[in-house]
PDB file of N, CA and C in Angstrom:
ATOM      1  N   UNK A   1      -3.596 -12.731  -6.680  1.00  0.00           N
ATOM      2  CA  UNK A   1      -3.982 -12.095  -6.812  1.00  0.00           C
ATOM      3  C   UNK A   1      -3.911 -11.455  -8.419  1.00  0.00           C
ATOM      4  N   UNK A   2      -2.791 -11.495  -9.024  1.00  0.00           N
ATOM      5  CA  UNK A   2      -2.288 -11.239 -10.397  1.00  0.00           C
ATOM      6  C   UNK A   2      -3.078 -12.256 -11.593  1.00  0.00           C
ATOM      7  N   UNK A   3      -2.843 -13.751 -11.190  1.00  0.00           N
ATOM      8  CA  UNK A   3      -3.316 -14.706 -12.229  1.00  0.00           C
ATOM      9  C   UNK A   3      -4.935 -14.386 -12.095  1.00  0.00           C
ATOM     10  N   UNK A   4      -5.565 -13.969 -11.406  1.00  0.00           N
ATOM     11  CA  UNK A   4      -7.225 -13.651 -11.634  1.00  0.00           C
ATOM     12  C   UNK A   4      -7.134 -12.740 -12.372  1.00  0.00           C
ATOM     13  N   UNK A   5      -6.401 -11.317 -12.095  1.00  0.00           N
ATOM     14  CA  UNK A   5      -6.731 -10.566 -13.004  1.00  0.00           C
ATOM     15  C   UNK A   5      -5.933 -10.443 -14.560  1.00  0.00           C
ATOM     16  N   UNK A   6      -5.155 -11.546 -14.557  1.00  0.00           N
ATOM     17  CA  UNK A   6      -4.445 -11.728 -15.879  1.00  0.00           C
ATOM     18  C   UNK A   6      -5.832 -12.895 -16.714  1.00  0.00           C
ATOM     19  N   UNK A   7      -6.682 -13.803 -15.805  1.00  0.00           N
ATOM     20  CA  UNK A   7      -7.487 -14.313 -16.606  1.00  0.00           C
ATOM     21  C   UNK A   7      -8.824 -13.534 -16.773  1.00  0.00           C
ATOM     22  N   UNK A   8      -9.081 -12.653 -16.167  1.00  0.00           N
ATOM     23  CA  UNK A   8      -9.813 -11.202 -16.460  1.00  0.00           C
ATOM     24  C   UNK A   8      -9.460  -9.926 -16.583  1.00  0.00           C
ATOM     25  N   UNK A   9      -9.243  -9.815 -18.335  1.00  0.00           N
ATOM     26  CA  UNK A   9      -8.664  -8.785 -18.441  1.00  0.00           C
ATOM     27  C   UNK A   9      -9.494  -7.470 -18.467  1.00  0.00           C
ATOM     28  N   UNK A  10     -10.675  -7.680 -18.760  1.00  0.00           N
ATOM     29  CA  UNK A  10     -12.010  -6.763 -18.914  1.00  0.00           C
ATOM     30  C   UNK A  10     -12.444  -6.761 -17.830  1.00  0.00           C
ATOM     31  N   UNK A  11     -12.071  -7.356 -16.764  1.00  0.00           N
ATOM     32  CA  UNK A  11     -12.673  -6.476 -14.834  1.00  0.00           C
ATOM     33  C   UNK A  11     -12.142  -5.267 -14.770  1.00  0.00           C
ATOM     34  N   UNK A  12     -13.450  -4.482 -14.445  1.00  0.00           N
ATOM     35  CA  UNK A  12     -13.247  -2.873 -13.821  1.00  0.00           C
ATOM     36  C   UNK A  12     -14.174  -2.730 -12.647  1.00  0.00           C
ATOM     37  N   UNK A  13     -13.614  -1.976 -11.873  1.00  0.00           N
ATOM     38  CA  UNK A  13     -14.467  -1.719 -10.270  1.00  0.00           C
ATOM     39  C   UNK A  13     -14.821  -0.374 -10.247  1.00  0.00           C
ATOM     40  N   UNK A  14     -15.739  -0.341  -9.537  1.00  0.00           N
ATOM     41  CA  UNK A  14     -16.591   0.680  -9.093  1.00  0.00           C
ATOM     42  C   UNK A  14     -16.308   1.362  -7.856  1.00  0.00           C
ATOM     43  N   UNK A  15     -16.293   0.436  -6.811  1.00  0.00           N
ATOM     44  CA  UNK A  15     -16.270   0.632  -5.772  1.00  0.00           C
ATOM     45  C   UNK A  15     -14.876  -0.230  -5.325  1.00  0.00           C
ATOM     46  N   UNK A  16     -13.786   0.295  -4.851  1.00  0.00           N
ATOM     47  CA  UNK A  16     -12.804  -0.270  -4.060  1.00  0.00           C
ATOM     48  C   UNK A  16     -12.274  -0.282  -2.870  1.00  0.00           C
ATOM     49  N   UNK A  17     -12.143  -0.882  -1.955  1.00  0.00           N
ATOM     50  CA  UNK A  17     -12.039  -0.835   0.021  1.00  0.00           C
ATOM     51  C   UNK A  17     -11.029  -1.252   0.186  1.00  0.00           C
ATOM     52  N   UNK A  18     -10.160  -0.264   0.552  1.00  0.00           N
ATOM     53  CA  UNK A  18      -8.857  -0.304   1.100  1.00  0.00           C
ATOM     54  C   UNK A  18      -8.669  -0.186   2.361  1.00  0.00           C
ATOM     55  N   UNK A  19      -8.623  -1.967   3.204  1.00  0.00           N
ATOM     56  CA  UNK A  19      -8.443  -2.319   4.363  1.00  0.00           C
ATOM     57  C   UNK A  19      -7.412  -3.352   4.978  1.00  0.00           C
ATOM     58  N   UNK A  20      -6.289  -2.858   4.725  1.00  0.00           N
ATOM     59  CA  UNK A  20      -5.587  -3.699   5.254  1.00  0.00           C
ATOM     60  C   UNK A  20      -4.554  -3.364   6.015  1.00  0.00           C
ATOM     61  N   UNK A  21      -4.372  -2.201   6.615  1.00  0.00           N
ATOM     62  CA  UNK A  21      -3.753  -1.556   7.770  1.00  0.00           C
ATOM     63  C   UNK A  21      -2.160  -1.469   7.284  1.00  0.00           C
ATOM     64  N   UNK A  22      -1.869  -2.330   6.871  1.00  0.00           N
ATOM     65  CA  UNK A  22      -0.351  -2.745   6.510  1.00  0.00           C
ATOM     66  C   UNK A  22       0.024  -2.428   4.703  1.00  0.00           C
ATOM     67  N   UNK A  23       1.378  -1.965   5.181  1.00  0.00           N
ATOM     68  CA  UNK A  23       1.949  -1.282   3.863  1.00  0.00           C
ATOM     69  C   UNK A  23       2.051  -2.701   2.788  1.00  0.00           C
ATOM     70  N   UNK A  24       2.747  -3.719   2.709  1.00  0.00           N
ATOM     71  CA  UNK A  24       2.822  -4.477   1.370  1.00  0.00           C
ATOM     72  C   UNK A  24       1.418  -5.106   0.860  1.00  0.00           C
ATOM     73  N   UNK A  25       0.445  -5.359   1.576  1.00  0.00           N
ATOM     74  CA  UNK A  25      -0.775  -5.350   0.683  1.00  0.00           C
ATOM     75  C   UNK A  25      -1.323  -4.401   0.413  1.00  0.00           C
ATOM     76  N   UNK A  26      -1.320  -3.151   0.940  1.00  0.00           N
ATOM     77  CA  UNK A  26      -2.088  -1.829   0.574  1.00  0.00           C
ATOM     78  C   UNK A  26      -1.147  -1.586  -0.865  1.00  0.00           C
ATOM     79  N   UNK A  27       0.182  -1.745  -0.978  1.00  0.00           N
ATOM     80  CA  UNK A  27       1.052  -1.688  -2.078  1.00  0.00           C
ATOM     81  C   UNK A  27       0.223  -2.410  -3.178  1.00  0.00           C
ATOM     82  N   UNK A  28       0.456  -3.888  -2.962  1.00  0.00           N
ATOM     83  CA  UNK A  28      -0.254  -4.669  -3.950  1.00  0.00           C
ATOM     84  C   UNK A  28      -1.836  -4.566  -4.384  1.00  0.00           C
ATOM     85  N   UNK A  29      -2.411  -4.176  -3.410  1.00  0.00           N
ATOM     86  CA  UNK A  29      -4.107  -3.719  -3.815  1.00  0.00           C
ATOM     87  C   UNK A  29      -3.797  -2.196  -5.159  1.00  0.00           C
ATOM     88  N   UNK A  30      -3.372  -1.689  -4.713  1.00  0.00           N
ATOM     89  CA  UNK A  30      -3.367  -0.122  -4.980  1.00  0.00           C
ATOM     90  C   UNK A  30      -2.541  -0.661  -6.326  1.00  0.00           C
ATOM     91  N   UNK A  31      -1.204  -1.340  -6.775  1.00  0.00           N
ATOM     92  CA  UNK A  31      -0.318  -1.121  -8.277  1.00  0.00           C
ATOM     93  C   UNK A  31      -1.535  -2.324  -9.336  1.00  0.00           C
ATOM     94  N   UNK A  32      -2.155  -3.233  -8.466  1.00  0.00           N
ATOM     95  CA  UNK A  32      -2.955  -4.170  -9.580  1.00  0.00           C
ATOM     96  C   UNK A  32      -4.362  -3.731  -9.384  1.00  0.00           C
ATOM     97  N   UNK A  33      -5.218  -2.987  -8.666  1.00  0.00           N
ATOM     98  CA  UNK A  33      -6.313  -2.783  -8.510  1.00  0.00           C
ATOM     99  C   UNK A  33      -7.146  -1.290  -9.171  1.00  0.00           C
ATOM    100  N   UNK A  34      -6.298  -0.416  -8.158  1.00  0.00           N
ATOM    101  CA  UNK A  34      -6.780   1.281  -8.909  1.00  0.00           C
ATOM    102  C   UNK A  34      -6.466   1.352 -10.286  1.00  0.00           C
ATOM    103  N   UNK A  35      -5.899   0.660 -10.999  1.00  0.00           N
ATOM    104  CA  UNK A  35      -5.986   1.048 -12.403  1.00  0.00           C
ATOM    105  C   UNK A  35      -6.925   0.075 -12.881  1.00  0.00           C
ATOM    106  N   UNK A  36      -7.803  -0.418 -12.257  1.00  0.00           N
ATOM    107  CA  UNK A  36      -9.149  -0.820 -12.866  1.00  0.00           C
ATOM    108  C   UNK A  36     -10.273  -0.240 -12.580  1.00  0.00           C
ATOM    109  N   UNK A  37      -9.960   0.255 -11.789  1.00  0.00           N
ATOM    110  CA  UNK A  37     -10.881   1.514 -10.983  1.00  0.00           C
ATOM    111  C   UNK A  37     -11.592   2.516 -12.337  1.00  0.00           C
ATOM    112  N   UNK A  38     -12.821   2.586 -12.449  1.00  0.00           N
ATOM    113  CA  UNK A  38     -13.352   3.264 -13.375  1.00  0.00           C
ATOM    114  C   UNK A  38     -12.991   4.673 -12.851  1.00  0.00           C
ATOM    115  N   UNK A  39     -13.011   5.395 -14.007  1.00  0.00           N
ATOM    116  CA  UNK A  39     -13.055   6.965 -13.074  1.00  0.00           C
ATOM    117  C   UNK A  39     -14.562   7.677 -13.061  1.00  0.00           C
ATOM    118  N   UNK A  40     -14.651   7.967 -12.248  1.00  0.00           N
ATOM    119  CA  UNK A  40     -15.508   8.531 -11.149  1.00  0.00           C
ATOM    120  C   UNK A  40     -15.978   7.485 -10.282  1.00  0.00           C
ATOM    121  N   UNK A  41     -14.984   6.390 -10.140  1.00  0.00           N
ATOM    122  CA  UNK A  41     -14.955   5.334  -9.028  1.00  0.00           C
ATOM    123  C   UNK A  41     -14.874   5.912  -7.938  1.00  0.00           C
ATOM    124  N   UNK A  42     -14.794   4.856  -7.196  1.00  0.00           N
ATOM    125  CA  UNK A  42     -14.372   5.559  -5.333  1.00  0.00           C
ATOM    126  C   UNK A  42     -13.203   4.172  -4.868  1.00  0.00           C
ATOM    127  N   UNK A  43     -12.315   4.959  -4.684  1.00  0.00           N
ATOM    128  CA  UNK A  43     -11.469   3.890  -3.449  1.00  0.00           C
ATOM    129  C   UNK A  43     -11.856   4.545  -2.108  1.00  0.00           C
ATOM    130  N   UNK A  44     -12.373   3.594  -1.279  1.00  0.00           N
ATOM    131  CA  UNK A  44     -12.118   3.865   0.162  1.00  0.00           C
ATOM    132  C   UNK A  44     -11.247   3.627   1.136  1.00  0.00           C
ATOM    133  N   UNK A  45     -10.448   4.399   1.295  1.00  0.00           N
ATOM    134  CA  UNK A  45      -9.161   4.082   2.630  1.00  0.00           C
ATOM    135  C   UNK A  45      -9.691   3.846   3.832  1.00  0.00           C
ATOM    136  N   UNK A  46      -9.701   2.637   4.315  1.00  0.00           N
ATOM    137  CA  UNK A  46     -10.409   2.915   5.804  1.00  0.00           C
ATOM    138  C   UNK A  46      -9.225   3.173   6.714  1.00  0.00           C
ATOM    139  N   UNK A  47      -8.293   2.973   7.139  1.00  0.00           N
ATOM    140  CA  UNK A  47      -7.692   3.355   8.669  1.00  0.00           C
ATOM    141  C   UNK A  47      -6.710   5.016   7.612  1.00  0.00           C
ATOM    142  N   UNK A  48      -6.934   5.613   6.487  1.00  0.00           N
ATOM    143  CA  UNK A  48      -5.885   6.537   6.488  1.00  0.00           C
ATOM    144  C   UNK A  48      -5.522   7.705   7.167  1.00  0.00           C
ATOM    145  N   UNK A  49      -4.080   7.777   8.049  1.00  0.00           N
ATOM    146  CA  UNK A  49      -4.112   8.727   8.692  1.00  0.00           C
ATOM    147  C   UNK A  49      -3.814   7.972  10.406  1.00  0.00           C
ATOM    148  N   UNK A  50      -4.138   6.482  10.221  1.00  0.00           N
ATOM    149  CA  UNK A  50      -4.113   6.269  11.615  1.00  0.00           C
ATOM    150  C   UNK A  50      -3.225   4.922  11.284  1.00  0.00           C
ATOM    151  N   UNK A  51      -3.293   3.606  10.532  1.00  0.00           N
ATOM    152  CA  UNK A  51      -1.937   2.947  10.321  1.00  0.00           C
ATOM    153  C   UNK A  51      -1.178   3.417   9.673  1.00  0.00           C
ATOM    154  N   UNK A  52      -0.081   3.586   9.880  1.00  0.00           N
ATOM    155  CA  UNK A  52       1.366   4.155   9.020  1.00  0.00           C
ATOM    156  C   UNK A  52       1.503   3.452   7.860  1.00  0.00           C
ATOM    157  N   UNK A  53       1.268   2.359   7.708  1.00  0.00           N
ATOM    158  CA  UNK A  53       1.707   1.054   6.406  1.00  0.00           C
ATOM    159  C   UNK A  53       0.845   1.994   5.811  1.00  0.00           C
ATOM    160  N   UNK A  54      -0.828   1.614   6.014  1.00  0.00           N
ATOM    161  CA  UNK A  54      -1.498   1.742   5.024  1.00  0.00           C
ATOM    162  C   UNK A  54      -1.515   3.120   4.467  1.00  0.00           C
ATOM    163  N   UNK A  55      -1.384   4.077   5.115  1.00  0.00           N
ATOM    164  CA  UNK A  55      -1.075   5.727   5.054  1.00  0.00           C
ATOM    165  C   UNK A  55       0.300   5.682   4.124  1.00  0.00           C
ATOM    166  N   UNK A  56       1.182   5.448   4.260  1.00  0.00           N
ATOM    167  CA  UNK A  56       2.470   5.479   3.721  1.00  0.00           C
ATOM    168  C   UNK A  56       2.167   4.517   2.442  1.00  0.00           C
ATOM    169  N   UNK A  57       1.936   3.815   2.122  1.00  0.00           N
ATOM    170  CA  UNK A  57       1.335   3.466   0.886  1.00  0.00           C
ATOM    171  C   UNK A  57       0.612   3.921   0.200  1.00  0.00           C
ATOM    172  N   UNK A  58      -0.260   4.324   0.700  1.00  0.00           N
ATOM    173  CA  UNK A  58      -1.281   5.133  -0.418  1.00  0.00           C
ATOM    174  C   UNK A  58      -0.693   7.048  -0.663  1.00  0.00           C
ATOM    175  N   UNK A  59       0.394   7.416   0.202  1.00  0.00           N
ATOM    176  CA  UNK A  59       0.846   8.666   0.144  1.00  0.00           C
ATOM    177  C   UNK A  59       2.032   8.473  -1.315  1.00  0.00           C
ATOM    178  N   UNK A  60       2.473   7.291  -1.022  1.00  0.00           N
ATOM    179  CA  UNK A  60       3.554   6.806  -2.072  1.00  0.00           C
ATOM    180  C   UNK A  60       3.042   6.658  -3.197  1.00  0.00           C
ATOM    181  N   UNK A  61       1.845   6.110  -3.442  1.00  0.00           N
ATOM    182  CA  UNK A  61       0.803   5.656  -4.725  1.00  0.00           C
ATOM    183  C   UNK A  61       0.799   7.200  -5.413  1.00  0.00           C
ATOM    184  N   UNK A  62      -0.083   8.022  -4.512  1.00  0.00           N
ATOM    185  CA  UNK A  62      -0.423   8.927  -5.304  1.00  0.00           C
ATOM    186  C   UNK A  62       0.305   9.894  -5.284  1.00  0.00           C
ATOM    187  N   UNK A  63       1.652  10.105  -4.677  1.00  0.00           N
ATOM    188  CA  UNK A  63       2.477  11.358  -4.518  1.00  0.00           C
ATOM    189  C   UNK A  63       2.473  12.487  -5.796  1.00  0.00           C
ATOM    190  N   UNK A  64       2.427  11.259  -7.331  1.00  0.00           N
ATOM    191  CA  UNK A  64       2.567  12.384  -8.564  1.00  0.00           C
ATOM    192  C   UNK A  64       0.853  12.322  -9.120  1.00  0.00           C
ATOM    193  N   UNK A  65       0.306  11.790  -8.619  1.00  0.00           N
ATOM    194  CA  UNK A  65      -1.081  11.939  -9.420  1.00  0.00           C
ATOM    195  C   UNK A  65      -1.756  12.873  -8.729  1.00  0.00           C
ATOM    196  N   UNK A  66      -2.794  13.487  -9.720  1.00  0.00           N
ATOM    197  CA  UNK A  66      -3.392  14.797  -8.864  1.00  0.00           C
ATOM    198  C   UNK A  66      -4.908  13.881  -8.398  1.00  0.00           C
ATOM    199  N   UNK A  67      -5.179  13.546  -7.451  1.00  0.00           N
ATOM    200  CA  UNK A  67      -5.627  13.241  -6.746  1.00  0.00           C
ATOM    201  C   UNK A  67      -6.225  13.859  -5.299  1.00  0.00           C
ATOM    202  N   UNK A  68      -7.400  13.735  -4.945  1.00  0.00           N
ATOM    203  CA  UNK A  68      -7.661  14.621  -3.362  1.00  0.00           C
ATOM    204  C   UNK A  68      -8.033  13.669  -2.845  1.00  0.00           C
ATOM    205  N   UNK A  69      -7.279  13.659  -1.617  1.00  0.00           N
ATOM    206  CA  UNK A  69      -8.172  12.538  -0.631  1.00  0.00           C
ATOM    207  C   UNK A  69      -8.800  13.291   0.167  1.00  0.00           C
ATOM    208  N   UNK A  70     -10.379  12.367   0.475  1.00  0.00           N
ATOM    209  CA  UNK A  70     -11.295  13.293   0.993  1.00  0.00           C
ATOM    210  C   UNK A  70     -11.896  12.723   2.393  1.00  0.00           C
ATOM    211  N   UNK A  71     -12.242  13.346   3.340  1.00  0.00           N
ATOM    212  CA  UNK A  71     -12.462  12.961   4.421  1.00  0.00           C
ATOM    213  C   UNK A  71     -14.065  13.471   4.798  1.00  0.00           C
ATOM    214  N   UNK A  72     -14.764  12.531   5.455  1.00  0.00           N
ATOM    215  CA  UNK A  72     -15.973  13.233   6.051  1.00  0.00           C
ATOM    216  C   UNK A  72     -16.048  13.582   7.501  1.00  0.00           C
ATOM    217  N   UNK A  73     -17.038  14.973   7.089  1.00  0.00           N
ATOM    218  CA  UNK A  73     -17.005  15.426   8.809  1.00  0.00           C
ATOM    219  C   UNK A  73     -17.252  14.854   9.718  1.00  0.00           C
ATOM    220  N   UNK A  74     -17.997  14.083   9.548  1.00  0.00           N
ATOM    221  CA  UNK A  74     -18.436  13.405  11.023  1.00  0.00           C
ATOM    222  C   UNK A  74     -17.674  12.414  11.251  1.00  0.00           C
ATOM    223  N   UNK A  75     -16.855  11.739  10.682  1.00  0.00           N
ATOM    224  CA  UNK A  75     -15.816  11.067  11.427  1.00  0.00           C
ATOM    225  C   UNK A  75     -14.178  11.098  10.917  1.00  0.00           C
ATOM    226  N   UNK A  76     -13.393  10.562  11.893  1.00  0.00           N
ATOM    227  CA  UNK A  76     -11.892  10.744  11.449  1.00  0.00           C
ATOM    228  C   UNK A  76     -11.752   9.611  10.025  1.00  0.00           C
ATOM    229  N   UNK A  77     -12.178   8.198  10.561  1.00  0.00           N
ATOM    230  CA  UNK A  77     -12.107   7.458   9.206  1.00  0.00           C
ATOM    231  C   UNK A  77     -13.777   6.795   8.788  1.00  0.00           C
ATOM    232  N   UNK A  78     -13.451   6.558   7.645  1.00  0.00           N
ATOM    233  CA  UNK A  78     -12.377   6.261   6.362  1.00  0.00           C
ATOM    234  C   UNK A  78     -12.413   7.393   5.461  1.00  0.00           C
ATOM    235  N   UNK A  79     -11.307   7.592   4.907  1.00  0.00           N
ATOM    236  CA  UNK A  79     -10.924   8.746   3.837  1.00  0.00           C
ATOM    237  C   UNK A  79     -11.312   8.151   2.473  1.00  0.00           C
ATOM    238  N   UNK A  80     -11.728   8.983   1.526  1.00  0.00           N
ATOM    239  CA  UNK A  80     -11.732   8.316   0.139  1.00  0.00           C
ATOM    240  C   UNK A  80     -11.479   9.167  -0.797  1.00  0.00           C
ATOM    241  N   UNK A  81     -11.100   8.412  -2.273  1.00  0.00           N
ATOM    242  CA  UNK A  81     -10.741   9.232  -3.505  1.00  0.00           C
ATOM    243  C   UNK A  81     -12.066   8.846  -4.538  1.00  0.00           C
ATOM    244  N   UNK A  82     -12.425   9.762  -5.062  1.00  0.00           N
ATOM    245  CA  UNK A  82     -13.183   9.648  -6.722  1.00  0.00           C
ATOM    246  C   UNK A  82     -11.965   9.614  -7.281  1.00  0.00           C
ATOM    247  N   UNK A  83     -11.651   8.679  -8.327  1.00  0.00           N
ATOM    248  CA  UNK A  83     -10.605   8.447  -9.515  1.00  0.00           C
ATOM    249  C   UNK A  83     -11.618   9.770 -10.284  1.00  0.00           C
ATOM    250  N   UNK A  84     -10.200  10.564 -10.819  1.00  0.00           N
ATOM    251  CA  UNK A  84     -10.721  11.520 -12.018  1.00  0.00           C
ATOM    252  C   UNK A  84     -10.414  10.883 -12.718  1.00  0.00           C
ATOM    253  N   UNK A  85     -11.584  11.791 -13.933  1.00  0.00           N
ATOM    254  CA  UNK A  85     -11.644  11.347 -15.326  1.00  0.00           C
ATOM    255  C   UNK A  85     -10.021  12.076 -15.953  1.00  0.00           C
ATOM    256  N   UNK A  86      -9.559  10.706 -16.933  1.00  0.00           N
ATOM    257  CA  UNK A  86      -8.441  11.499 -17.157  1.00  0.00           C
ATOM    258  C   UNK A  86      -8.415  12.223 -19.137  1.00  0.00           C
TER     259      UNK A  86
END
């Protein structure tokens, strides 16, 4: 993925689905792809609060960022974040 992103510096993402369940891939995706998510773009977190690896990665990544992790009223998963306009 880093090579692809290096070769495509203008890549922007409007909808990003995080569905890794485990820590390391979730960290990699957040580190490399969340910065490419446009303001107002949506990050779907498939198993937030269900799988500890994915949950920990999300909590650590967004620890100092001002985002709200939203849940739907009709299902325990997925959760989502709307990237704020900075």
